[in-house]
């Protein structure tokens, strides 16, 4: 092996052992020395996403771009990593959802988010996050869950899954079973740790929406008012609101209109 190949071996050995942070650093050094190494850049891009390192997700590619130009094979992949095409479609769908246009959301989902059936974990995350939002708003998504449920993956996620993922899974099961108070309990316990899942703020906002839904269904009026006030302060204008919150307001659960709007 030459020096570059040995550097790849060190990085992949770290990753295979579940040491994501160390693998990311090794790949950073590798790409700094060989900025045309597409494998190093693409592998590191996935590591950055799974670690939730949004700055490196952008800057790692930006560092290499000056060494590239449109005439070099792989230029399209560099631009794709710098933009994240599927995820941009996800954000466009989120805008339509905020505007109350579910038919446009479903169209974008079928054309560019979940419809193509990508097995990549980052695409499965986008698909799941959008389907849950639609479900919380009471919108029928048909059989779109099945292709997502048929995929699976695992790893250094062991720690994340045990400490944050498992309580979230229990919350989802409780919510589906109608035990909304138990769902609230599980979600509130890990709510401030969910950045460890990685992804963007917009993606992780799904868990706040699920918590709002559970709180409203549980009839926790004071907590619901507090959470809606928090959301209104963070998202002035037209924050997305689960259908159950609207029903709670209709049932006169004393959610102040100025924070529920």
Protein backbone atom coordinates (compact mmCIF):
# COMPACT_ATOMS: atom_id res chain seq x y z
CA UNK A 1 0.00 0.00 0.00
CA UNK A 2 1.05 3.57 -0.62
CA UNK A 3 0.60 6.39 1.90
CA UNK A 4 -2.90 7.30 0.73
CA UNK A 5 -4.11 3.70 0.84
CA UNK A 6 -2.71 3.25 4.32
CA UNK A 7 -4.59 6.38 5.41
CA UNK A 8 -7.83 4.85 4.06
CA UNK A 9 -7.15 1.63 5.97
CA UNK A 10 -6.70 3.56 9.23
CA UNK A 11 -9.96 5.48 8.64
CA UNK A 12 -12.04 2.41 7.75
CA UNK A 13 -10.59 0.49 10.71
CA UNK A 14 -11.69 3.29 13.05
CA UNK A 15 -15.15 3.34 11.48
CA UNK A 16 -15.53 -0.45 11.66
CA UNK A 17 -14.75 -0.23 15.37
CA UNK A 18 -17.50 2.34 15.83
CA UNK A 19 -15.11 5.27 16.39
CA UNK A 20 -16.93 7.76 14.16
CA UNK A 21 -15.21 10.86 15.50
CA UNK A 22 -11.75 9.46 14.96
CA UNK A 23 -12.68 8.17 11.49
CA UNK A 24 -13.92 11.63 10.57
CA UNK A 25 -10.62 13.20 11.62
CA UNK A 26 -8.58 10.65 9.66
CA UNK A 27 -10.67 11.30 6.55
CA UNK A 28 -10.30 15.05 7.09
CA UNK A 29 -6.52 14.72 7.04
CA UNK A 30 -6.68 12.42 4.02
CA UNK A 31 -8.82 14.81 1.95
CA UNK A 32 -6.63 17.77 2.90
CA UNK A 33 -3.64 15.96 1.42
CA UNK A 34 -5.46 14.43 -1.59
CA UNK A 35 -8.44 16.75 -2.38
CA UNK A 36 -9.32 14.70 -5.48
CA UNK A 37 -9.94 11.55 -3.43
CA UNK A 38 -13.68 11.13 -4.03
CA UNK A 39 -13.94 8.09 -1.76
CA UNK A 40 -12.49 10.00 1.19
CA UNK A 41 -14.83 12.93 0.57
CA UNK A 42 -17.98 10.85 0.09
CA UNK A 43 -17.29 8.56 3.05
CA UNK A 44 -16.55 11.54 5.28
CA UNK A 45 -19.72 13.25 4.06
CA UNK A 46 -21.77 10.31 5.37
CA UNK A 47 -19.84 10.31 8.66
CA UNK A 48 -20.54 14.03 9.11
CA UNK A 49 -24.24 13.49 8.50
CA UNK A 50 -24.55 10.59 10.90
CA UNK A 51 -22.72 12.58 13.59
CA UNK A 52 -24.93 15.63 13.04
CA UNK A 53 -21.86 17.76 12.25
CA UNK A 54 -23.63 20.27 10.01
CA UNK A 55 -20.64 22.59 9.76
CA UNK A 56 -18.25 19.91 8.48
CA UNK A 57 -20.98 18.58 6.20
CA UNK A 58 -20.61 21.88 4.34
CA UNK A 59 -17.00 22.89 5.02
CA UNK A 60 -15.34 19.54 4.26
CA UNK A 61 -16.58 19.82 0.65
CA UNK A 62 -15.89 23.57 0.47
CA UNK A 63 -12.24 22.91 1.34
CA UNK A 64 -11.83 20.58 -1.64
CA UNK A 65 -13.82 22.54 -4.23
CA UNK A 66 -10.94 24.89 -5.25
CA UNK A 67 -9.06 21.81 -6.50
CA UNK A 68 -11.99 20.84 -8.75
CA UNK A 69 -13.62 22.27 -11.88
CA UNK A 70 -16.46 21.40 -14.24
CA UNK A 71 -14.11 19.54 -16.59
CA UNK A 72 -13.08 16.96 -13.99
CA UNK A 73 -15.05 13.69 -13.73
CA UNK A 74 -16.94 13.63 -10.42
CA UNK A 75 -17.65 17.39 -10.41
CA UNK A 76 -21.39 16.65 -10.33
CA UNK A 77 -20.92 14.55 -7.16
CA UNK A 78 -19.04 17.37 -5.48
CA UNK A 79 -21.86 19.80 -6.24
CA UNK A 80 -24.38 17.21 -5.09
CA UNK A 81 -22.65 16.80 -1.73
CA UNK A 82 -22.38 20.55 -1.32
CA UNK A 83 -26.16 20.86 -1.99
CA UNK A 84 -27.81 17.49 -0.77
CA UNK A 85 -30.46 17.20 -3.48
CA UNK A 86 -32.91 14.86 -1.74
CA UNK A 87 -32.78 16.89 1.42
CA UNK A 88 -33.46 20.12 -0.49
CA UNK A 89 -36.60 18.47 -1.87
CA UNK A 90 -37.50 17.56 1.71
CA UNK A 91 -37.21 21.20 2.78
CA UNK A 92 -39.33 22.32 -0.20
CA UNK A 93 -41.98 19.79 0.87
CA UNK A 94 -41.78 21.19 4.40
CA UNK A 95 -42.60 24.67 3.06
CA UNK A 96 -45.66 23.26 1.27
CA UNK A 97 -46.70 21.50 4.46
CA UNK A 98 -46.48 24.78 6.37
CA UNK A 99 -48.63 26.42 3.70
CA UNK A 100 -51.30 23.73 4.07
CA UNK A 101 -50.70 22.07 0.70
CA UNK A 102 -50.48 18.33 1.47
CA UNK A 103 -51.07 17.30 -2.15
CA UNK A 104 -47.83 19.07 -3.13
CA UNK A 105 -46.04 17.40 -0.22
CA UNK A 106 -47.16 13.95 -1.39
CA UNK A 107 -46.11 14.76 -4.96
CA UNK A 108 -42.63 15.79 -3.85
CA UNK A 109 -42.41 12.75 -1.59
CA UNK A 110 -43.22 10.40 -4.48
CA UNK A 111 -40.93 12.16 -6.95
CA UNK A 112 -37.86 12.84 -4.90
CA UNK A 113 -37.95 11.81 -1.21
CA UNK A 114 -39.34 8.36 -0.53
CA UNK A 115 -40.78 7.35 -3.90
CA UNK A 116 -37.43 6.49 -5.56
CA UNK A 117 -36.83 3.94 -2.78
CA UNK A 118 -33.26 4.88 -1.90
CA UNK A 119 -31.73 2.51 0.70
CA UNK A 120 -29.35 5.23 1.95
CA UNK A 121 -29.86 5.92 5.64
CA UNK A 122 -29.96 9.70 5.13
CA UNK A 123 -32.77 9.31 2.57
CA UNK A 124 -34.69 6.94 4.84
CA UNK A 125 -34.45 9.55 7.61
CA UNK A 126 -35.96 12.19 5.31
CA UNK A 127 -38.74 9.84 4.20
CA UNK A 128 -39.64 8.83 7.76
CA UNK A 129 -39.58 12.40 9.05
CA UNK A 130 -41.97 13.58 6.35
CA UNK A 131 -44.38 10.65 6.71
CA UNK A 132 -44.62 11.25 10.47
CA UNK A 133 -45.40 14.94 9.93
CA UNK A 134 -48.19 14.01 7.53
CA UNK A 135 -49.54 11.45 9.99
CA UNK A 136 -49.58 14.01 12.81
CA UNK A 137 -51.64 16.31 10.61
CA UNK A 138 -54.15 13.54 9.97
CA UNK A 139 -53.20 13.14 6.29
CA UNK A 140 -53.57 9.68 4.73
CA UNK A 141 -50.21 8.59 3.26
CA UNK A 142 -51.52 5.31 1.84
CA UNK A 143 -48.97 2.49 1.72
CA UNK A 144 -45.92 4.78 1.66
CA UNK A 145 -44.71 3.43 5.03
CA UNK A 146 -44.10 -0.09 3.72
CA UNK A 147 -40.98 0.54 1.58
CA UNK A 148 -39.41 2.53 4.42
CA UNK A 149 -40.15 -0.17 7.00
CA UNK A 150 -38.53 -2.81 4.76
CA UNK A 151 -35.07 -1.19 5.16
CA UNK A 152 -32.69 -1.67 8.10
CA UNK A 153 -29.21 -0.71 9.32
CA UNK A 154 -27.22 -0.58 12.56
CA UNK A 155 -23.95 0.45 14.32
CA UNK A 156 -22.21 3.20 16.59
CA UNK A 157 -25.47 4.23 16.98
CA UNK A 158 -25.40 1.61 19.70
CA UNK A 159 -24.87 4.31 22.29
CA UNK A 160 -27.27 6.75 20.61
CA UNK A 161 -29.91 4.05 20.20
CA UNK A 162 -29.66 2.92 23.80
CA UNK A 163 -29.67 6.37 25.41
CA UNK A 164 -31.96 8.32 23.09
CA UNK A 165 -33.33 6.07 20.38
CA UNK A 166 -34.89 3.49 22.68
CA UNK A 167 -36.91 6.02 24.73
CA UNK A 168 -38.13 7.57 21.48
CA UNK A 169 -39.14 4.16 20.14
CA UNK A 170 -41.02 3.47 23.39
CA UNK A 171 -42.72 6.85 23.08
CA UNK A 172 -43.86 6.07 19.53
CA UNK A 173 -45.22 2.68 20.59
CA UNK A 174 -47.04 4.25 23.54
CA UNK A 175 -48.48 6.93 21.28
CA UNK A 176 -49.68 4.35 18.76
CA UNK A 177 -51.25 2.31 21.58
CA UNK A 178 -53.11 5.38 22.87
CA UNK A 179 -51.03 5.73 26.04
CA UNK A 180 -50.30 9.41 25.48
CA UNK A 181 -49.13 10.15 29.02
CA UNK A 182 -46.47 7.45 28.74
CA UNK A 183 -45.43 8.83 25.35
CA UNK A 184 -45.01 12.27 26.97
CA UNK A 185 -42.92 10.79 29.76
CA UNK A 186 -40.49 9.06 27.41
CA UNK A 187 -40.12 12.02 25.04
CA UNK A 188 -39.66 14.64 27.74
CA UNK A 189 -36.88 12.57 29.28
CA UNK A 190 -34.69 12.69 26.14
CA UNK A 191 -35.98 15.76 24.35
CA UNK A 192 -32.80 17.78 24.90
CA UNK A 193 -30.52 14.92 23.82
CA UNK A 194 -32.02 14.34 20.40
CA UNK A 195 -29.34 16.34 18.58
CA UNK A 196 -27.23 13.21 19.05
CA UNK A 197 -29.28 11.56 16.32
CA UNK A 198 -27.63 13.88 13.83
CA UNK A 199 -29.62 15.46 11.02
CA UNK A 200 -30.83 19.03 10.91
CA UNK A 201 -32.89 21.14 13.31
CA UNK A 202 -35.81 20.90 10.89
CA UNK A 203 -35.62 17.10 10.88
CA UNK A 204 -35.41 16.81 14.66
CA UNK A 205 -38.36 19.18 15.01
CA UNK A 206 -40.48 16.11 14.29
CA UNK A 207 -39.99 14.97 17.88
CA UNK A 208 -41.36 18.26 19.21
CA UNK A 209 -44.39 17.79 16.96
CA UNK A 210 -44.91 14.27 18.32
CA UNK A 211 -44.60 15.60 21.87
CA UNK A 212 -47.20 18.30 21.15
CA UNK A 213 -49.51 15.65 19.74
CA UNK A 214 -49.08 13.41 22.79
CA UNK A 215 -49.55 16.27 25.26
CA UNK A 216 -52.72 17.44 23.51
CA UNK A 217 -54.18 13.93 23.40
CA UNK A 218 -53.29 13.40 27.06
CA UNK A 219 -55.24 16.53 28.01
CA UNK A 220 -52.19 18.16 29.66
CA UNK A 221 -53.53 21.67 29.12
CA UNK A 222 -50.92 23.67 31.03
CA UNK A 223 -48.01 21.83 29.46
CA UNK A 224 -49.61 22.19 26.02
CA UNK A 225 -49.97 25.96 26.49
CA UNK A 226 -46.34 26.19 27.62
CA UNK A 227 -45.05 24.18 24.67
CA UNK A 228 -47.11 26.17 22.18
CA UNK A 229 -45.81 29.43 23.67
CA UNK A 230 -42.27 28.09 23.33
CA UNK A 231 -42.92 27.13 19.72
CA UNK A 232 -44.53 30.46 18.86
CA UNK A 233 -41.48 32.28 20.22
CA UNK A 234 -39.07 30.11 18.24
CA UNK A 235 -41.12 30.09 15.02
CA UNK A 236 -43.05 33.34 14.71
CA UNK A 237 -45.62 33.35 11.94
CA UNK A 238 -47.20 30.02 11.07
CA UNK A 239 -45.68 27.11 12.98
CA UNK A 240 -46.82 23.61 11.98
CA UNK A 241 -49.35 22.31 14.47
CA UNK A 242 -50.57 18.69 14.77
CA UNK A 243 -54.28 18.16 14.14
CA UNK A 244 -54.73 16.97 17.74
CA UNK A 245 -53.66 20.40 19.02
CA UNK A 246 -56.43 22.02 17.02
CA UNK A 247 -58.90 19.51 18.40
CA UNK A 248 -57.68 20.22 21.92
CA UNK A 249 -58.32 23.92 21.35
CA UNK A 250 -61.78 23.16 19.96
CA UNK A 251 -62.51 21.15 23.09
CA UNK A 252 -61.67 24.26 25.11
CA UNK A 253 -58.63 22.90 26.84
CA UNK A 254 -57.76 26.51 27.64
CA UNK A 255 -54.85 26.96 25.23
CA UNK A 256 -54.51 30.74 24.87
CA UNK A 257 -55.26 31.82 21.30
CA UNK A 258 -52.26 34.13 21.14
CA UNK A 259 -49.87 31.19 21.56
CA UNK A 260 -51.95 28.70 19.63
CA UNK A 261 -52.17 30.69 16.40
